Amino acid sequence: MPLLFHSMLPRVLHVLLPSSCVLCGSLGEQAVCPACTQAHARDLHTRCPCCANPVGTADGARRCGACLADAPAFDATVAACDYGAPVDRLVLQLKFASRLALAPWMAGRLREAVQARDADLPELLCPVPLGPRRLVERGYNQALELARPLSSALGVPLAPRLLERQVETAAQSGVAPGERRRNVRGAFVLAEGHPALEGVHVGVVDDVMTSGHTLDELAGVLKRAGAARVTNLVFARTPPTYRN
């Protein structure tokens, strides 16, 4: 009887407490319904394999001009979709409004993007860390909430405390584009007792990638510790036309 009860519990809860789509309000099993997912969270671009900026159809297998001219420390970026309306609303609700049910849905979209790339999976996942003050204010790290279900979906181990933010930097969204690289310089370190990274392919998980400077700084820390490859796994990539 207890086993039968536990097996039926999710279905009972779904009937008693149905979820509704954050975007259209229709009842369903996920935070965003299949119709809205299809309409708003599909990736329609050919992207630079390094930074995930949109490129021409014929250029998808090679790095874009920006990555060739100023190569970042990371090796690749996988993005599930663009950061733009109404996806931006979902990201903000996860980040600032405690809509944690959005994290598994975002992880599902990111898993599909990773599998579509048909590339080697990272051997270890880690989230972009929050500073202690911001973590206390928010109560959770949205990158970690995204990394947990993604780790399970991909079957890749998660190191939730691999990286630490040693400097409480200003939010990148509030910093002038020309100052963003300087804002995060030296902000991150590896946590004490971190696993050995020599020769390891590390995946860094975040909700949004805009300028890429934070992820570049993190990749530099990981590479100096011996990581052989760093891949960014981000739910949304801000296109150049959307950036401040």
Protein backbone atom coordinates (compact mmCIF):
# COMPACT_ATOMS: atom_id res chain seq x y z
CA MET A 1 0.00 0.00 0.00
CA PRO A 2 2.72 2.62 0.83
CA LEU A 3 4.42 1.97 -2.53
CA LEU A 4 1.12 2.32 -4.38
CA PHE A 5 0.40 5.57 -2.51
CA HIS A 6 3.77 7.05 -3.39
CA SER A 7 3.45 6.05 -7.04
CA MET A 8 0.03 7.72 -7.29
CA LEU A 9 0.91 10.82 -5.29
CA PRO A 10 2.21 12.93 -8.22
CA ARG A 11 -0.97 12.30 -10.22
CA VAL A 12 -3.19 13.07 -7.23
CA LEU A 13 -1.33 16.31 -6.55
CA HIS A 14 -1.61 17.29 -10.21
CA VAL A 15 -5.39 16.88 -10.06
CA LEU A 16 -5.75 18.72 -6.74
CA LEU A 17 -3.12 21.38 -7.40
CA PRO A 18 -2.81 21.81 -11.17
CA SER A 19 -0.10 24.16 -12.43
CA SER A 20 -0.77 26.89 -14.95
CA CYS A 21 1.45 28.22 -17.69
CA VAL A 22 3.33 31.33 -16.56
CA LEU A 23 2.80 32.94 -19.97
CA CYS A 24 -0.74 32.04 -21.07
CA GLY A 25 -2.36 30.64 -17.91
CA SER A 26 -3.45 27.33 -19.41
CA LEU A 27 -3.42 24.31 -17.13
CA GLY A 28 -0.66 21.77 -17.60
CA GLU A 29 2.15 19.83 -16.00
CA GLN A 30 4.98 22.31 -16.53
CA ALA A 31 5.61 25.93 -15.66
CA VAL A 32 5.38 26.83 -19.35
CA CYS A 33 2.96 24.95 -21.60
CA PRO A 34 4.10 23.16 -24.79
CA ALA A 35 2.44 25.75 -27.02
CA CYS A 36 4.25 28.66 -25.39
CA THR A 37 7.49 26.69 -25.34
CA GLN A 38 7.15 26.10 -29.08
CA ALA A 39 6.26 29.74 -29.75
CA HIS A 40 8.81 31.49 -27.55
CA ALA A 41 11.62 29.19 -26.38
CA ARG A 42 12.88 27.55 -29.55
CA ASP A 43 16.36 28.30 -30.81
CA LEU A 44 16.04 29.46 -34.41
CA HIS A 45 19.63 30.64 -34.91
CA THR A 46 22.85 29.28 -36.25
CA ARG A 47 25.31 30.27 -33.52
CA CYS A 48 29.03 30.73 -33.09
CA PRO A 49 30.15 27.51 -31.34
CA CYS A 50 32.30 29.53 -28.95
CA CYS A 51 30.17 32.48 -27.78
CA ALA A 52 26.71 31.47 -29.12
CA ASN A 53 26.12 34.79 -30.84
CA PRO A 54 23.98 34.41 -33.98
CA VAL A 55 25.98 33.96 -37.20
CA GLY A 56 25.23 33.24 -40.83
CA THR A 57 24.03 29.77 -41.77
CA ALA A 58 27.33 28.91 -43.48
CA ASP A 59 29.40 30.00 -40.47
CA GLY A 60 27.97 27.79 -37.73
CA ALA A 61 30.92 25.39 -37.66
CA ARG A 62 33.56 28.05 -37.03
CA ARG A 63 34.20 30.81 -34.53
CA CYS A 64 32.82 34.26 -35.23
CA GLY A 65 35.09 37.22 -35.95
CA ALA A 66 34.83 38.53 -32.39
CA CYS A 67 36.02 35.22 -30.90
CA LEU A 68 38.87 35.02 -33.41
CA ALA A 69 39.97 38.57 -32.69
CA ASP A 70 39.74 38.31 -28.89
CA ALA A 71 39.55 34.64 -27.93
CA PRO A 72 37.76 34.05 -24.59
CA ALA A 73 39.03 31.58 -21.99
CA PHE A 74 35.99 29.33 -22.51
CA ASP A 75 35.87 26.92 -25.43
CA ALA A 76 32.17 26.64 -26.24
CA THR A 77 28.72 27.95 -25.35
CA VAL A 78 25.37 26.19 -25.64
CA ALA A 79 22.25 28.38 -25.38
CA ALA A 80 18.66 27.18 -25.39
CA CYS A 81 17.12 30.38 -26.76
CA ASP A 82 17.48 34.15 -27.10
CA TYR A 83 16.98 36.52 -24.20
CA GLY A 84 14.08 38.67 -25.34
CA ALA A 85 10.37 39.11 -24.73
CA PRO A 86 8.67 37.12 -23.28
CA VAL A 87 11.58 34.85 -22.26
CA ASP A 88 13.17 37.75 -20.37
CA ARG A 89 10.11 37.82 -18.11
CA LEU A 90 10.60 34.16 -17.22
CA VAL A 91 14.27 34.70 -16.39
CA LEU A 92 13.46 37.66 -14.17
CA GLN A 93 10.75 35.69 -12.37
CA LEU A 94 13.18 32.89 -11.64
CA LYS A 95 15.92 35.27 -10.56
CA PHE A 96 13.99 37.79 -8.48
CA ALA A 97 10.51 36.39 -7.78
CA SER A 98 11.29 32.91 -6.44
CA ARG A 99 9.49 31.15 -9.31
CA LEU A 100 11.71 28.11 -8.80
CA ALA A 101 9.33 25.88 -10.78
CA LEU A 102 10.74 27.54 -13.89
CA ALA A 103 14.19 26.08 -13.29
CA PRO A 104 13.36 22.45 -14.28
CA TRP A 105 11.56 23.72 -17.39
CA MET A 106 14.60 25.83 -18.35
CA ALA A 107 16.86 22.85 -17.68
CA GLY A 108 14.74 20.78 -20.05
CA ARG A 109 15.16 23.32 -22.84
CA LEU A 110 18.90 23.46 -22.19
CA ARG A 111 19.18 19.67 -22.20
CA GLU A 112 17.56 19.63 -25.63
CA ALA A 113 20.02 22.26 -26.87
CA VAL A 114 22.98 20.28 -25.53
CA GLN A 115 21.76 17.08 -27.15
CA ALA A 116 21.14 18.87 -30.46
CA ARG A 117 24.80 19.92 -30.52
CA ASP A 118 25.87 16.26 -30.49
CA ALA A 119 29.15 17.23 -28.80
CA ASP A 120 31.05 15.74 -25.90
CA LEU A 121 29.31 16.34 -22.59
CA PRO A 122 31.19 18.04 -19.76
CA GLU A 123 32.50 15.71 -17.08
CA LEU A 124 31.47 18.08 -14.28
CA LEU A 125 28.90 20.88 -13.92
CA CYS A 126 29.11 23.94 -11.69
CA PRO A 127 26.87 27.00 -11.34
CA VAL A 128 28.00 30.61 -11.54
CA PRO A 129 28.29 31.53 -7.84
CA LEU A 130 26.54 34.38 -6.07
CA GLY A 131 28.29 36.46 -3.45
CA PRO A 132 27.27 35.90 0.20
CA ARG A 133 25.37 39.17 0.49
CA ARG A 134 23.32 38.65 -2.65
CA LEU A 135 22.68 35.02 -1.73
CA VAL A 136 21.27 36.11 1.64
CA GLU A 137 19.10 38.78 -0.01
CA ARG A 138 17.69 36.41 -2.64
CA GLY A 139 17.65 33.22 -0.59
CA TYR A 140 18.84 31.00 -3.47
CA ASN A 141 21.18 30.97 -6.45
CA GLN A 142 19.15 30.75 -9.66
CA ALA A 143 22.14 29.26 -11.52
CA LEU A 144 22.32 26.43 -8.99
CA GLU A 145 18.55 25.86 -9.22
CA LEU A 146 19.02 25.46 -12.98
CA ALA A 147 22.16 23.32 -12.64
CA ARG A 148 20.54 20.73 -10.35
CA PRO A 149 17.90 19.43 -12.77
CA LEU A 150 20.30 19.83 -15.70
CA SER A 151 22.85 17.65 -13.94
CA SER A 152 20.20 14.97 -13.42
CA ALA A 153 18.91 15.24 -17.00
CA LEU A 154 22.38 14.94 -18.56
CA GLY A 155 23.75 12.44 -16.06
CA VAL A 156 26.72 14.71 -15.34
CA PRO A 157 27.94 15.17 -11.73
CA LEU A 158 27.33 18.56 -10.14
CA ALA A 159 29.90 20.40 -8.02
CA PRO A 160 27.67 23.11 -6.49
CA ARG A 161 30.46 24.79 -4.52
CA LEU A 162 33.35 24.43 -6.95
CA LEU A 163 33.63 28.20 -7.41
CA GLU A 164 33.29 31.08 -4.98
CA ARG A 165 32.76 34.79 -5.52
CA GLN A 166 35.36 36.49 -3.35
CA VAL A 167 34.40 40.03 -4.37
CA GLU A 168 30.83 41.36 -4.11
CA THR A 169 30.71 42.98 -7.52
CA ALA A 170 27.96 45.20 -8.82
CA ALA A 171 25.39 43.36 -10.95
CA GLN A 172 26.63 43.29 -14.54
CA SER A 173 23.24 44.50 -15.76
CA GLY A 174 23.82 47.78 -13.91
CA VAL A 175 27.37 48.32 -15.17
CA ALA A 176 28.22 50.17 -18.38
CA PRO A 177 29.15 47.70 -21.16
CA GLY A 178 32.69 49.03 -21.36
CA GLU A 179 33.24 48.46 -17.63
CA ARG A 180 31.86 44.93 -17.33
CA ARG A 181 35.15 43.11 -17.87
CA ARG A 182 36.85 45.20 -15.20
CA ASN A 183 33.88 44.75 -12.84
CA VAL A 184 34.41 40.96 -12.56
CA ARG A 185 38.19 40.84 -12.80
CA GLY A 186 39.55 38.82 -9.88
CA ALA A 187 36.06 38.25 -8.46
CA PHE A 188 36.15 34.43 -8.44
CA VAL A 189 38.28 31.71 -6.88
CA LEU A 190 38.10 27.96 -6.52
CA ALA A 191 36.64 26.79 -3.22
CA GLU A 192 38.87 25.08 -0.70
CA GLY A 193 38.91 21.32 -1.11
CA HIS A 194 37.70 21.49 -4.70
CA PRO A 195 37.95 18.32 -6.82
CA ALA A 196 40.97 17.88 -9.07
CA LEU A 197 40.40 19.61 -12.40
CA GLU A 198 43.48 18.55 -14.31
CA GLY A 199 42.34 17.49 -17.78
CA VAL A 200 38.63 17.81 -16.89
CA HIS A 201 35.94 19.22 -19.19
CA VAL A 202 33.88 21.58 -16.98
CA GLY A 203 30.42 22.91 -17.80
CA VAL A 204 29.50 26.27 -16.25
CA VAL A 205 25.75 26.79 -15.86
CA ASP A 206 23.97 30.16 -15.82
CA ASP A 207 20.56 31.56 -16.64
CA VAL A 208 21.65 34.33 -19.03
CA MET A 209 24.80 35.23 -20.97
CA THR A 210 25.06 38.85 -22.08
CA SER A 211 28.56 40.25 -22.56
CA GLY A 212 30.19 36.95 -21.57
CA HIS A 213 32.74 38.65 -19.30
CA THR A 214 31.62 36.83 -16.14
CA LEU A 215 31.83 33.45 -17.86
CA ASP A 216 35.18 34.39 -19.40
CA GLU A 217 36.56 35.26 -15.97
CA LEU A 218 35.28 31.98 -14.51
CA ALA A 219 36.74 29.97 -17.39
CA GLY A 220 40.12 31.58 -16.75
CA VAL A 221 40.02 30.46 -13.11
CA LEU A 222 39.13 26.91 -14.16
CA LYS A 223 41.77 26.76 -16.90
CA ARG A 224 44.50 27.95 -14.53
CA ALA A 225 43.47 25.10 -12.22
CA GLY A 226 44.07 22.61 -15.02
CA ALA A 227 40.66 22.27 -16.71
CA ALA A 228 41.17 21.04 -20.26
CA ARG A 229 37.95 22.53 -21.62
CA VAL A 230 35.20 24.86 -20.38
CA THR A 231 31.72 24.93 -21.92
CA ASN A 232 29.08 27.48 -20.93
CA LEU A 233 25.56 26.06 -20.59
CA VAL A 234 23.15 28.99 -20.52
CA PHE A 235 19.39 29.04 -20.84
CA ALA A 236 19.25 32.35 -22.72
CA ARG A 237 21.77 34.30 -24.82
CA THR A 238 21.26 38.04 -25.14
CA PRO A 239 21.55 38.94 -28.84
CA PRO A 240 23.71 41.97 -29.71
CA THR A 241 20.66 44.02 -30.73
CA TYR A 242 19.12 43.60 -27.26
CA ARG A 243 22.14 44.68 -25.21
CA ASN A 244 22.58 48.06 -23.57
